[in-house]
Amino acid sequence: MTWTSARDCRSILIPFLAEQPGRVFTAAELAAELATELEGSGLQLTRRPDRMVFDAMRKAERSGWVVRVGRGRYRFGTVPPTTLRRIRRWRDALDAGLDGYQRAAYSNWRPVSGFVPPRR
């Protein structure tokens, strides 16, 4: 059993928000999405899902990836393509069941000689 960090939560929620850029989501909707995504992966949250959403969104808000519209309401901001690609790679490593050190090595991997791994 692996505990989930705020970075793991961001790697799930940022691509979810990026799929629907104009929509405003409540924290409850994001917490439900987070719980649904983690349900079958064998990961456990360290705290309540809504608290994990707030912690994950705090850094994303400072970075401009997420815009806080109101109390507990978020929408997608702007994420550079390279950062979004790195976030998606972290999520792929999370889905593959890699532990923290392996996820870090996988997400920092750089393609060599033009080879690009398949996207999700």
PDB file of N, CA and C in Angstrom:
ATOM      1  N   MET A   1       0.844  -1.166   0.000  1.00  0.00           N
ATOM      2  CA  MET A   1       0.000   0.000   0.000  1.00  0.00           C
ATOM      3  C   MET A   1       0.899   1.241   0.000  1.00  0.00           C
ATOM      4  N   THR A   2       0.610   2.178  -0.863  1.00  0.00           N
ATOM      5  CA  THR A   2       1.397   3.389  -0.987  1.00  0.00           C
ATOM      6  C   THR A   2       0.536   4.582  -0.618  1.00  0.00           C
ATOM      7  N   TRP A   3       1.130   5.519   0.104  1.00  0.00           N
ATOM      8  CA  TRP A   3       0.413   6.732   0.466  1.00  0.00           C
ATOM      9  C   TRP A   3       0.561   7.746  -0.655  1.00  0.00           C
ATOM     10  N   THR A   4      -0.438   8.559  -0.841  1.00  0.00           N
ATOM     11  CA  THR A   4      -0.479   9.512  -1.930  1.00  0.00           C
ATOM     12  C   THR A   4      -0.005  10.880  -1.451  1.00  0.00           C
ATOM     13  N   SER A   5       0.851  11.512  -2.247  1.00  0.00           N
ATOM     14  CA  SER A   5       1.339  12.845  -1.915  1.00  0.00           C
ATOM     15  C   SER A   5       0.529  13.896  -2.669  1.00  0.00           C
ATOM     16  N   ALA A   6       0.778  15.157  -2.360  1.00  0.00           N
ATOM     17  CA  ALA A   6       0.100  16.249  -3.068  1.00  0.00           C
ATOM     18  C   ALA A   6       0.506  16.246  -4.538  1.00  0.00           C
ATOM     19  N   ARG A   7       1.765  15.867  -4.825  1.00  0.00           N
ATOM     20  CA  ARG A   7       2.206  15.805  -6.221  1.00  0.00           C
ATOM     21  C   ARG A   7       1.434  14.733  -6.988  1.00  0.00           C
ATOM     22  N   ASP A   8       1.181  13.601  -6.344  1.00  0.00           N
ATOM     23  CA  ASP A   8       0.374  12.554  -6.978  1.00  0.00           C
ATOM     24  C   ASP A   8      -1.032  13.069  -7.288  1.00  0.00           C
ATOM     25  N   CYS A   9      -1.604  13.805  -6.337  1.00  0.00           N
ATOM     26  CA  CYS A   9      -2.952  14.352  -6.548  1.00  0.00           C
ATOM     27  C   CYS A   9      -2.956  15.358  -7.689  1.00  0.00           C
ATOM     28  N   ARG A  10      -1.921  16.214  -7.748  1.00  0.00           N
ATOM     29  CA  ARG A  10      -1.836  17.169  -8.852  1.00  0.00           C
ATOM     30  C   ARG A  10      -1.701  16.459 -10.184  1.00  0.00           C
ATOM     31  N   SER A  11      -0.955  15.344 -10.208  1.00  0.00           N
ATOM     32  CA  SER A  11      -0.768  14.626 -11.472  1.00  0.00           C
ATOM     33  C   SER A  11      -2.061  13.988 -11.957  1.00  0.00           C
ATOM     34  N   ILE A  12      -3.016  13.814 -11.070  1.00  0.00           N
ATOM     35  CA  ILE A  12      -4.325  13.303 -11.460  1.00  0.00           C
ATOM     36  C   ILE A  12      -5.261  14.453 -11.831  1.00  0.00           C
ATOM     37  N   LEU A  13      -5.240  15.525 -11.042  1.00  0.00           N
ATOM     38  CA  LEU A  13      -6.221  16.589 -11.205  1.00  0.00           C
ATOM     39  C   LEU A  13      -5.894  17.576 -12.320  1.00  0.00           C
ATOM     40  N   ILE A  14      -4.612  17.893 -12.544  1.00  0.00           N
ATOM     41  CA  ILE A  14      -4.259  18.884 -13.577  1.00  0.00           C
ATOM     42  C   ILE A  14      -4.648  18.391 -14.979  1.00  0.00           C
ATOM     43  N   PRO A  15      -4.297  17.141 -15.376  1.00  0.00           N
ATOM     44  CA  PRO A  15      -4.764  16.686 -16.690  1.00  0.00           C
ATOM     45  C   PRO A  15      -6.294  16.611 -16.785  1.00  0.00           C
ATOM     46  N   PHE A  16      -6.953  16.275 -15.667  1.00  0.00           N
ATOM     47  CA  PHE A  16      -8.419  16.245 -15.644  1.00  0.00           C
ATOM     48  C   PHE A  16      -8.978  17.636 -15.925  1.00  0.00           C
ATOM     49  N   LEU A  17      -8.411  18.664 -15.300  1.00  0.00           N
ATOM     50  CA  LEU A  17      -8.854  20.037 -15.540  1.00  0.00           C
ATOM     51  C   LEU A  17      -8.498  20.497 -16.952  1.00  0.00           C
ATOM     52  N   ALA A  18      -7.347  20.033 -17.472  1.00  0.00           N
ATOM     53  CA  ALA A  18      -6.895  20.448 -18.800  1.00  0.00           C
ATOM     54  C   ALA A  18      -7.813  19.924 -19.897  1.00  0.00           C
ATOM     55  N   GLU A  19      -8.491  18.813 -19.647  1.00  0.00           N
ATOM     56  CA  GLU A  19      -9.406  18.251 -20.646  1.00  0.00           C
ATOM     57  C   GLU A  19     -10.634  19.126 -20.858  1.00  0.00           C
ATOM     58  N   GLN A  20     -10.997  19.917 -19.841  1.00  0.00           N
ATOM     59  CA  GLN A  20     -12.176  20.790 -19.923  1.00  0.00           C
ATOM     60  C   GLN A  20     -11.772  22.188 -19.438  1.00  0.00           C
ATOM     61  N   PRO A  21     -11.028  22.936 -20.262  1.00  0.00           N
ATOM     62  CA  PRO A  21     -10.393  24.166 -19.796  1.00  0.00           C
ATOM     63  C   PRO A  21     -11.329  25.288 -19.362  1.00  0.00           C
ATOM     64  N   GLY A  22     -12.529  25.390 -19.891  1.00  0.00           N
ATOM     65  CA  GLY A  22     -13.398  26.506 -19.543  1.00  0.00           C
ATOM     66  C   GLY A  22     -14.313  26.246 -18.365  1.00  0.00           C
ATOM     67  N   ARG A  23     -14.429  25.017 -17.944  1.00  0.00           N
ATOM     68  CA  ARG A  23     -15.388  24.630 -16.908  1.00  0.00           C
ATOM     69  C   ARG A  23     -14.851  24.937 -15.513  1.00  0.00           C
ATOM     70  N   VAL A  24     -15.728  25.363 -14.624  1.00  0.00           N
ATOM     71  CA  VAL A  24     -15.387  25.608 -13.226  1.00  0.00           C
ATOM     72  C   VAL A  24     -15.811  24.387 -12.418  1.00  0.00           C
ATOM     73  N   PHE A  25     -14.872  23.849 -11.642  1.00  0.00           N
ATOM     74  CA  PHE A  25     -15.143  22.666 -10.828  1.00  0.00           C
ATOM     75  C   PHE A  25     -15.166  23.048  -9.355  1.00  0.00           C
ATOM     76  N   THR A  26     -16.050  22.412  -8.608  1.00  0.00           N
ATOM     77  CA  THR A  26     -16.051  22.598  -7.157  1.00  0.00           C
ATOM     78  C   THR A  26     -15.044  21.628  -6.548  1.00  0.00           C
ATOM     79  N   ALA A  27     -14.643  21.908  -5.328  1.00  0.00           N
ATOM     80  CA  ALA A  27     -13.702  21.024  -4.642  1.00  0.00           C
ATOM     81  C   ALA A  27     -14.309  19.639  -4.437  1.00  0.00           C
ATOM     82  N   ALA A  28     -15.621  19.581  -4.249  1.00  0.00           N
ATOM     83  CA  ALA A  28     -16.286  18.282  -4.069  1.00  0.00           C
ATOM     84  C   ALA A  28     -16.192  17.448  -5.346  1.00  0.00           C
ATOM     85  N   GLU A  29     -16.355  18.087  -6.509  1.00  0.00           N
ATOM     86  CA  GLU A  29     -16.231  17.353  -7.777  1.00  0.00           C
ATOM     87  C   GLU A  29     -14.796  16.864  -7.975  1.00  0.00           C
ATOM     88  N   LEU A  30     -13.827  17.690  -7.626  1.00  0.00           N
ATOM     89  CA  LEU A  30     -12.425  17.283  -7.756  1.00  0.00           C
ATOM     90  C   LEU A  30     -12.081  16.162  -6.779  1.00  0.00           C
ATOM     91  N   ALA A  31     -12.630  16.246  -5.560  1.00  0.00           N
ATOM     92  CA  ALA A  31     -12.383  15.182  -4.579  1.00  0.00           C
ATOM     93  C   ALA A  31     -12.994  13.867  -5.041  1.00  0.00           C
ATOM     94  N   ALA A  32     -14.185  13.931  -5.654  1.00  0.00           N
ATOM     95  CA  ALA A  32     -14.818  12.713  -6.175  1.00  0.00           C
ATOM     96  C   ALA A  32     -13.990  12.131  -7.315  1.00  0.00           C
ATOM     97  N   GLU A  33     -13.467  12.981  -8.192  1.00  0.00           N
ATOM     98  CA  GLU A  33     -12.608  12.508  -9.289  1.00  0.00           C
ATOM     99  C   GLU A  33     -11.334  11.875  -8.746  1.00  0.00           C
ATOM    100  N   LEU A  34     -10.743  12.501  -7.729  1.00  0.00           N
ATOM    101  CA  LEU A  34      -9.524  11.974  -7.117  1.00  0.00           C
ATOM    102  C   LEU A  34      -9.775  10.609  -6.496  1.00  0.00           C
ATOM    103  N   ALA A  35     -10.869  10.472  -5.761  1.00  0.00           N
ATOM    104  CA  ALA A  35     -11.203   9.195  -5.126  1.00  0.00           C
ATOM    105  C   ALA A  35     -11.471   8.117  -6.173  1.00  0.00           C
ATOM    106  N   THR A  36     -12.136   8.488  -7.269  1.00  0.00           N
ATOM    107  CA  THR A  36     -12.425   7.533  -8.336  1.00  0.00           C
ATOM    108  C   THR A  36     -11.147   7.044  -8.992  1.00  0.00           C
ATOM    109  N   GLU A  37     -10.222   7.968  -9.260  1.00  0.00           N
ATOM    110  CA  GLU A  37      -8.965   7.599  -9.913  1.00  0.00           C
ATOM    111  C   GLU A  37      -8.088   6.718  -9.024  1.00  0.00           C
ATOM    112  N   LEU A  38      -8.090   6.978  -7.724  1.00  0.00           N
ATOM    113  CA  LEU A  38      -7.226   6.232  -6.812  1.00  0.00           C
ATOM    114  C   LEU A  38      -7.830   4.909  -6.357  1.00  0.00           C
ATOM    115  N   GLU A  39      -9.115   4.729  -6.599  1.00  0.00           N
ATOM    116  CA  GLU A  39      -9.831   3.561  -6.082  1.00  0.00           C
ATOM    117  C   GLU A  39      -9.197   2.241  -6.499  1.00  0.00           C
ATOM    118  N   GLY A  40      -8.907   2.084  -7.781  1.00  0.00           N
ATOM    119  CA  GLY A  40      -8.396   0.811  -8.258  1.00  0.00           C
ATOM    120  C   GLY A  40      -6.887   0.714  -8.325  1.00  0.00           C
ATOM    121  N   SER A  41      -6.173   1.779  -7.953  1.00  0.00           N
ATOM    122  CA  SER A  41      -4.722   1.775  -8.132  1.00  0.00           C
ATOM    123  C   SER A  41      -3.951   1.277  -6.911  1.00  0.00           C
ATOM    124  N   GLY A  42      -4.629   1.019  -5.807  1.00  0.00           N
ATOM    125  CA  GLY A  42      -3.939   0.529  -4.618  1.00  0.00           C
ATOM    126  C   GLY A  42      -3.287   1.634  -3.807  1.00  0.00           C
ATOM    127  N   LEU A  43      -3.614   2.885  -4.096  1.00  0.00           N
ATOM    128  CA  LEU A  43      -3.065   4.010  -3.344  1.00  0.00           C
ATOM    129  C   LEU A  43      -4.073   4.466  -2.311  1.00  0.00           C
ATOM    130  N   GLN A  44      -3.553   5.005  -1.207  1.00  0.00           N
ATOM    131  CA  GLN A  44      -4.426   5.503  -0.161  1.00  0.00           C
ATOM    132  C   GLN A  44      -4.101   6.957   0.112  1.00  0.00           C
ATOM    133  N   LEU A  45      -5.111   7.726   0.418  1.00  0.00           N
ATOM    134  CA  LEU A  45      -4.904   9.122   0.776  1.00  0.00           C
ATOM    135  C   LEU A  45      -4.438   9.232   2.217  1.00  0.00           C
ATOM    136  N   THR A  46      -3.601  10.226   2.485  1.00  0.00           N
ATOM    137  CA  THR A  46      -3.118  10.425   3.845  1.00  0.00           C
ATOM    138  C   THR A  46      -4.134  11.178   4.697  1.00  0.00           C
ATOM    139  N   ARG A  47      -5.019  11.939   4.039  1.00  0.00           N
ATOM    140  CA  ARG A  47      -6.049  12.708   4.746  1.00  0.00           C
ATOM    141  C   ARG A  47      -7.362  12.607   3.973  1.00  0.00           C
ATOM    142  N   ARG A  48      -8.329  13.392   4.386  1.00  0.00           N
ATOM    143  CA  ARG A  48      -9.617  13.430   3.673  1.00  0.00           C
ATOM    144  C   ARG A  48      -9.399  13.877   2.234  1.00  0.00           C
ATOM    145  N   PRO A  49     -10.168  13.360   1.275  1.00  0.00           N
ATOM    146  CA  PRO A  49      -9.983  13.740  -0.132  1.00  0.00           C
ATOM    147  C   PRO A  49     -10.109  15.239  -0.385  1.00  0.00           C
ATOM    148  N   ASP A  50     -11.057  15.915   0.282  1.00  0.00           N
ATOM    149  CA  ASP A  50     -11.198  17.350   0.046  1.00  0.00           C
ATOM    150  C   ASP A  50      -9.981  18.129   0.546  1.00  0.00           C
ATOM    151  N   ARG A  51      -9.397  17.686   1.649  1.00  0.00           N
ATOM    152  CA  ARG A  51      -8.193  18.342   2.178  1.00  0.00           C
ATOM    153  C   ARG A  51      -7.006  18.118   1.236  1.00  0.00           C
ATOM    154  N   MET A  52      -6.908  16.925   0.673  1.00  0.00           N
ATOM    155  CA  MET A  52      -5.839  16.642  -0.287  1.00  0.00           C
ATOM    156  C   MET A  52      -5.997  17.497  -1.541  1.00  0.00           C
ATOM    157  N   VAL A  53      -7.245  17.732  -1.963  1.00  0.00           N
ATOM    158  CA  VAL A  53      -7.497  18.600  -3.120  1.00  0.00           C
ATOM    159  C   VAL A  53      -7.013  20.013  -2.817  1.00  0.00           C
ATOM    160  N   PHE A  54      -7.342  20.539  -1.644  1.00  0.00           N
ATOM    161  CA  PHE A  54      -6.915  21.890  -1.291  1.00  0.00           C
ATOM    162  C   PHE A  54      -5.389  21.994  -1.261  1.00  0.00           C
ATOM    163  N   ASP A  55      -4.729  20.990  -0.673  1.00  0.00           N
ATOM    164  CA  ASP A  55      -3.267  21.012  -0.620  1.00  0.00           C
ATOM    165  C   ASP A  55      -2.648  20.932  -2.008  1.00  0.00           C
ATOM    166  N   ALA A  56      -3.221  20.092  -2.863  1.00  0.00           N
ATOM    167  CA  ALA A  56      -2.691  19.942  -4.219  1.00  0.00           C
ATOM    168  C   ALA A  56      -2.926  21.203  -5.044  1.00  0.00           C
ATOM    169  N   MET A  57      -4.082  21.821  -4.867  1.00  0.00           N
ATOM    170  CA  MET A  57      -4.414  23.009  -5.659  1.00  0.00           C
ATOM    171  C   MET A  57      -3.651  24.249  -5.193  1.00  0.00           C
ATOM    172  N   ARG A  58      -3.179  24.249  -3.942  1.00  0.00           N
ATOM    173  CA  ARG A  58      -2.463  25.415  -3.425  1.00  0.00           C
ATOM    174  C   ARG A  58      -1.214  25.712  -4.255  1.00  0.00           C
ATOM    175  N   LYS A  59      -0.389  24.697  -4.531  1.00  0.00           N
ATOM    176  CA  LYS A  59       0.808  24.913  -5.326  1.00  0.00           C
ATOM    177  C   LYS A  59       0.450  25.170  -6.786  1.00  0.00           C
ATOM    178  N   ALA A  60      -0.553  24.472  -7.271  1.00  0.00           N
ATOM    179  CA  ALA A  60      -0.982  24.665  -8.657  1.00  0.00           C
ATOM    180  C   ALA A  60      -1.508  26.085  -8.864  1.00  0.00           C
ATOM    181  N   GLU A  61      -2.147  26.631  -7.844  1.00  0.00           N
ATOM    182  CA  GLU A  61      -2.648  28.003  -7.932  1.00  0.00           C
ATOM    183  C   GLU A  61      -1.493  29.006  -7.940  1.00  0.00           C
ATOM    184  N   ARG A  62      -0.492  28.777  -7.083  1.00  0.00           N
ATOM    185  CA  ARG A  62       0.681  29.660  -7.066  1.00  0.00           C
ATOM    186  C   ARG A  62       1.430  29.624  -8.389  1.00  0.00           C
ATOM    187  N   SER A  63       1.431  28.475  -9.048  1.00  0.00           N
ATOM    188  CA  SER A  63       2.134  28.330 -10.320  1.00  0.00           C
ATOM    189  C   SER A  63       1.317  28.857 -11.495  1.00  0.00           C
ATOM    190  N   GLY A  64       0.046  29.135 -11.281  1.00  0.00           N
ATOM    191  CA  GLY A  64      -0.808  29.632 -12.346  1.00  0.00           C
ATOM    192  C   GLY A  64      -1.455  28.528 -13.167  1.00  0.00           C
ATOM    193  N   TRP A  65      -1.255  27.273 -12.758  1.00  0.00           N
ATOM    194  CA  TRP A  65      -1.837  26.144 -13.483  1.00  0.00           C
ATOM    195  C   TRP A  65      -3.333  26.065 -13.271  1.00  0.00           C
ATOM    196  N   VAL A  66      -3.780  26.545 -12.109  1.00  0.00           N
ATOM    197  CA  VAL A  66      -5.182  26.508 -11.726  1.00  0.00           C
ATOM    198  C   VAL A  66      -5.559  27.906 -11.237  1.00  0.00           C
ATOM    199  N   VAL A  67      -6.750  28.345 -11.569  1.00  0.00           N
ATOM    200  CA  VAL A  67      -7.238  29.641 -11.108  1.00  0.00           C
ATOM    201  C   VAL A  67      -8.357  29.390 -10.113  1.00  0.00           C
ATOM    202  N   ARG A  68      -8.227  29.986  -8.948  1.00  0.00           N
ATOM    203  CA  ARG A  68      -9.283  29.852  -7.935  1.00  0.00           C
ATOM    204  C   ARG A  68     -10.341  30.902  -8.231  1.00  0.00           C
ATOM    205  N   VAL A  69     -11.533  30.451  -8.565  1.00  0.00           N
ATOM    206  CA  VAL A  69     -12.619  31.337  -8.965  1.00  0.00           C
ATOM    207  C   VAL A  69     -13.385  31.832  -7.743  1.00  0.00           C
ATOM    208  N   GLY A  70     -13.517  30.984  -6.764  1.00  0.00           N
ATOM    209  CA  GLY A  70     -14.231  31.330  -5.538  1.00  0.00           C
ATOM    210  C   GLY A  70     -13.810  30.345  -4.468  1.00  0.00           C
ATOM    211  N   ARG A  71     -14.515  30.385  -3.361  1.00  0.00           N
ATOM    212  CA  ARG A  71     -14.182  29.463  -2.282  1.00  0.00           C
ATOM    213  C   ARG A  71     -14.484  28.033  -2.712  1.00  0.00           C
ATOM    214  N   GLY A  72     -13.434  27.228  -2.856  1.00  0.00           N
ATOM    215  CA  GLY A  72     -13.611  25.829  -3.244  1.00  0.00           C
ATOM    216  C   GLY A  72     -14.004  25.638  -4.699  1.00  0.00           C
ATOM    217  N   ARG A  73     -13.728  26.635  -5.563  1.00  0.00           N
ATOM    218  CA  ARG A  73     -14.083  26.534  -6.985  1.00  0.00           C
ATOM    219  C   ARG A  73     -12.840  26.840  -7.806  1.00  0.00           C
ATOM    220  N   TYR A  74     -12.517  25.929  -8.724  1.00  0.00           N
ATOM    221  CA  TYR A  74     -11.289  26.045  -9.508  1.00  0.00           C
ATOM    222  C   TYR A  74     -11.567  25.839 -10.992  1.00  0.00           C
ATOM    223  N   ARG A  75     -10.730  26.462 -11.817  1.00  0.00           N
ATOM    224  CA  ARG A  75     -10.747  26.200 -13.251  1.00  0.00           C
ATOM    225  C   ARG A  75      -9.307  26.121 -13.727  1.00  0.00           C
ATOM    226  N   PHE A  76      -9.122  25.559 -14.901  1.00  0.00           N
ATOM    227  CA  PHE A  76      -7.797  25.371 -15.466  1.00  0.00           C
ATOM    228  C   PHE A  76      -7.187  26.719 -15.826  1.00  0.00           C
ATOM    229  N   GLY A  77      -5.915  26.902 -15.523  1.00  0.00           N
ATOM    230  CA  GLY A  77      -5.194  28.121 -15.867  1.00  0.00           C
ATOM    231  C   GLY A  77      -4.340  27.901 -17.102  1.00  0.00           C
ATOM    232  N   THR A  78      -3.050  28.198 -17.000  1.00  0.00           N
ATOM    233  CA  THR A  78      -2.129  27.955 -18.107  1.00  0.00           C
ATOM    234  C   THR A  78      -0.976  27.099 -17.607  1.00  0.00           C
ATOM    235  N   VAL A  79      -0.707  26.046 -18.344  1.00  0.00           N
ATOM    236  CA  VAL A  79       0.393  25.141 -18.026  1.00  0.00           C
ATOM    237  C   VAL A  79       1.263  25.035 -19.276  1.00  0.00           C
ATOM    238  N   PRO A  80       2.572  25.302 -19.148  1.00  0.00           N
ATOM    239  CA  PRO A  80       3.448  25.113 -20.303  1.00  0.00           C
ATOM    240  C   PRO A  80       3.377  23.667 -20.793  1.00  0.00           C
ATOM    241  N   PRO A  81       3.486  23.447 -22.103  1.00  0.00           N
ATOM    242  CA  PRO A  81       3.361  22.086 -22.643  1.00  0.00           C
ATOM    243  C   PRO A  81       4.360  21.101 -22.045  1.00  0.00           C
ATOM    244  N   THR A  82       5.585  21.563 -21.787  1.00  0.00           N
ATOM    245  CA  THR A  82       6.582  20.651 -21.209  1.00  0.00           C
ATOM    246  C   THR A  82       6.186  20.232 -19.798  1.00  0.00           C
ATOM    247  N   THR A  83       5.663  21.162 -19.029  1.00  0.00           N
ATOM    248  CA  THR A  83       5.233  20.841 -17.665  1.00  0.00           C
ATOM    249  C   THR A  83       4.062  19.876 -17.691  1.00  0.00           C
ATOM    250  N   LEU A  84       3.117  20.119 -18.585  1.00  0.00           N
ATOM    251  CA  LEU A  84       1.969  19.219 -18.698  1.00  0.00           C
ATOM    252  C   LEU A  84       2.413  17.825 -19.117  1.00  0.00           C
ATOM    253  N   ARG A  85       3.383  17.747 -19.998  1.00  0.00           N
ATOM    254  CA  ARG A  85       3.926  16.451 -20.414  1.00  0.00           C
ATOM    255  C   ARG A  85       4.599  15.749 -19.230  1.00  0.00           C
ATOM    256  N   ARG A  86       5.337  16.490 -18.415  1.00  0.00           N
ATOM    257  CA  ARG A  86       5.993  15.909 -17.243  1.00  0.00           C
ATOM    258  C   ARG A  86       4.963  15.443 -16.223  1.00  0.00           C
ATOM    259  N   ILE A  87       3.891  16.215 -16.044  1.00  0.00           N
ATOM    260  CA  ILE A  87       2.818  15.825 -15.119  1.00  0.00           C
ATOM    261  C   ILE A  87       2.150  14.543 -15.610  1.00  0.00           C
ATOM    262  N   ARG A  88       1.904  14.460 -16.913  1.00  0.00           N
ATOM    263  CA  ARG A  88       1.278  13.247 -17.459  1.00  0.00           C
ATOM    264  C   ARG A  88       2.199  12.043 -17.328  1.00  0.00           C
ATOM    265  N   ARG A  89       3.519  12.245 -17.474  1.00  0.00           N
ATOM    266  CA  ARG A  89       4.467  11.134 -17.285  1.00  0.00           C
ATOM    267  C   ARG A  89       4.451  10.654 -15.842  1.00  0.00           C
ATOM    268  N   TRP A  90       4.351  11.595 -14.878  1.00  0.00           N
ATOM    269  CA  TRP A  90       4.276  11.222 -13.468  1.00  0.00           C
ATOM    270  C   TRP A  90       3.015  10.393 -13.233  1.00  0.00           C
ATOM    271  N   ARG A  91       1.919  10.799 -13.878  1.00  0.00           N
ATOM    272  CA  ARG A  91       0.670  10.049 -13.728  1.00  0.00           C
ATOM    273  C   ARG A  91       0.788   8.657 -14.352  1.00  0.00           C
ATOM    274  N   ASP A  92       1.435   8.546 -15.499  1.00  0.00           N
ATOM    275  CA  ASP A  92       1.644   7.237 -16.118  1.00  0.00           C
ATOM    276  C   ASP A  92       2.448   6.331 -15.193  1.00  0.00           C
ATOM    277  N   ALA A  93       3.474   6.898 -14.546  1.00  0.00           N
ATOM    278  CA  ALA A  93       4.273   6.120 -13.603  1.00  0.00           C
ATOM    279  C   ALA A  93       3.432   5.732 -12.394  1.00  0.00           C
ATOM    280  N   LEU A  94       2.543   6.609 -11.978  1.00  0.00           N
ATOM    281  CA  LEU A  94       1.637   6.323 -10.866  1.00  0.00           C
ATOM    282  C   LEU A  94       0.699   5.182 -11.243  1.00  0.00           C
ATOM    283  N   ASP A  95       0.162   5.232 -12.466  1.00  0.00           N
ATOM    284  CA  ASP A  95      -0.729   4.176 -12.942  1.00  0.00           C
ATOM    285  C   ASP A  95      -0.007   2.843 -13.092  1.00  0.00           C
ATOM    286  N   ALA A  96       1.299   2.901 -13.404  1.00  0.00           N
ATOM    287  CA  ALA A  96       2.082   1.675 -13.572  1.00  0.00           C
ATOM    288  C   ALA A  96       2.457   1.039 -12.229  1.00  0.00           C
ATOM    289  N   GLY A  97       2.169   1.738 -11.123  1.00  0.00           N
ATOM    290  CA  GLY A  97       2.436   1.180  -9.804  1.00  0.00           C
ATOM    291  C   GLY A  97       3.859   1.372  -9.322  1.00  0.00           C
ATOM    292  N   LEU A  98       4.577   2.326  -9.885  1.00  0.00           N
ATOM    293  CA  LEU A  98       5.950   2.577  -9.453  1.00  0.00           C
ATOM    294  C   LEU A  98       5.950   3.323  -8.130  1.00  0.00           C
ATOM    295  N   ASP A  99       6.990   3.080  -7.302  1.00  0.00           N
ATOM    296  CA  ASP A  99       7.068   3.800  -6.036  1.00  0.00           C
ATOM    297  C   ASP A  99       7.651   5.194  -6.267  1.00  0.00           C
ATOM    298  N   GLY A 100       7.786   5.971  -5.201  1.00  0.00           N
ATOM    299  CA  GLY A 100       8.170   7.374  -5.316  1.00  0.00           C
ATOM    300  C   GLY A 100       9.463   7.621  -6.055  1.00  0.00           C
ATOM    301  N   TYR A 101      10.533   6.865  -5.728  1.00  0.00           N
ATOM    302  CA  TYR A 101      11.823   7.084  -6.387  1.00  0.00           C
ATOM    303  C   TYR A 101      11.757   6.693  -7.858  1.00  0.00           C
ATOM    304  N   GLN A 102      11.073   5.611  -8.164  1.00  0.00           N
ATOM    305  CA  GLN A 102      10.935   5.191  -9.557  1.00  0.00           C
ATOM    306  C   GLN A 102      10.085   6.181 -10.340  1.00  0.00           C
ATOM    307  N   ARG A 103       9.050   6.746  -9.680  1.00  0.00           N
ATOM    308  CA  ARG A 103       8.227   7.760 -10.361  1.00  0.00           C
ATOM    309  C   ARG A 103       9.067   8.979 -10.697  1.00  0.00           C
ATOM    310  N   ALA A 104       9.915   9.411  -9.767  1.00  0.00           N
ATOM    311  CA  ALA A 104      10.751  10.585 -10.002  1.00  0.00           C
ATOM    312  C   ALA A 104      11.709  10.335 -11.158  1.00  0.00           C
ATOM    313  N   ALA A 105      12.307   9.160 -11.206  1.00  0.00           N
ATOM    314  CA  ALA A 105      13.236   8.841 -12.290  1.00  0.00           C
ATOM    315  C   ALA A 105      12.490   8.761 -13.621  1.00  0.00           C
ATOM    316  N   TYR A 106      11.308   8.200 -13.611  1.00  0.00           N
ATOM    317  CA  TYR A 106      10.526   8.055 -14.848  1.00  0.00           C
ATOM    318  C   TYR A 106      10.048   9.409 -15.364  1.00  0.00           C
ATOM    319  N   SER A 107       9.609  10.280 -14.465  1.00  0.00           N
ATOM    320  CA  SER A 107       9.058  11.558 -14.910  1.00  0.00           C
ATOM    321  C   SER A 107      10.148  12.519 -15.365  1.00  0.00           C
ATOM    322  N   ASN A 108      11.384  12.326 -14.923  1.00  0.00           N
ATOM    323  CA  ASN A 108      12.486  13.191 -15.346  1.00  0.00           C
ATOM    324  C   ASN A 108      13.228  12.633 -16.549  1.00  0.00           C
ATOM    325  N   TRP A 109      12.762  11.508 -17.080  1.00  0.00           N
ATOM    326  CA  TRP A 109      13.403  10.874 -18.222  1.00  0.00           C
ATOM    327  C   TRP A 109      13.299  11.766 -19.441  1.00  0.00           C
ATOM    328  N   ARG A 110      14.385  11.879 -20.188  1.00  0.00           N
ATOM    329  CA  ARG A 110      14.411  12.697 -21.401  1.00  0.00           C
ATOM    330  C   ARG A 110      14.568  11.792 -22.617  1.00  0.00           C
ATOM    331  N   PRO A 111      13.808  12.033 -23.680  1.00  0.00           N
ATOM    332  CA  PRO A 111      13.957  11.210 -24.877  1.00  0.00           C
ATOM    333  C   PRO A 111      15.324  11.418 -25.526  1.00  0.00           C
ATOM    334  N   VAL A 112      15.893  10.357 -26.053  1.00  0.00           N
ATOM    335  CA  VAL A 112      17.203  10.398 -26.690  1.00  0.00           C
ATOM    336  C   VAL A 112      17.040  10.056 -28.166  1.00  0.00           C
ATOM    337  N   SER A 113      17.751  10.749 -29.019  1.00  0.00           N
ATOM    338  CA  SER A 113      17.802  10.515 -30.452  1.00  0.00           C
ATOM    339  C   SER A 113      16.425  10.477 -31.123  1.00  0.00           C
ATOM    340  N   GLY A 114      15.553  11.369 -30.712  1.00  0.00           N
ATOM    341  CA  GLY A 114      14.273  11.506 -31.392  1.00  0.00           C
ATOM    342  C   GLY A 114      13.207  10.522 -30.967  1.00  0.00           C
ATOM    343  N   PHE A 115      13.506   9.564 -30.076  1.00  0.00           N
ATOM    344  CA  PHE A 115      12.499   8.607 -29.643  1.00  0.00           C
ATOM    345  C   PHE A 115      11.562   9.267 -28.655  1.00  0.00           C
ATOM    346  N   VAL A 116      10.280   9.170 -28.898  1.00  0.00           N
ATOM    347  CA  VAL A 116       9.278   9.728 -27.997  1.00  0.00           C
ATOM    348  C   VAL A 116       8.375   8.578 -27.547  1.00  0.00           C
ATOM    349  N   PRO A 117       8.219   8.389 -26.218  1.00  0.00           N
ATOM    350  CA  PRO A 117       7.359   7.297 -25.749  1.00  0.00           C
ATOM    351  C   PRO A 117       5.911   7.561 -26.123  1.00  0.00           C
ATOM    352  N   PRO A 118       5.112   6.495 -26.263  1.00  0.00           N
ATOM    353  CA  PRO A 118       3.704   6.668 -26.641  1.00  0.00           C
ATOM    354  C   PRO A 118       2.938   7.427 -25.563  1.00  0.00           C
ATOM    355  N   ARG A 119       2.007   8.265 -25.990  1.00  0.00           N
ATOM    356  CA  ARG A 119       1.178   9.015 -25.057  1.00  0.00           C
ATOM    357  C   ARG A 119      -0.014   8.191 -24.630  1.00  0.00           C
ATOM    358  N   ARG A 120      -0.605   8.580 -23.546  1.00  0.00           N
ATOM    359  CA  ARG A 120      -1.798   7.925 -23.019  1.00  0.00           C
ATOM    360  C   ARG A 120      -2.958   8.106 -23.903  1.00  0.00           C
TER     361      ARG A 120
END
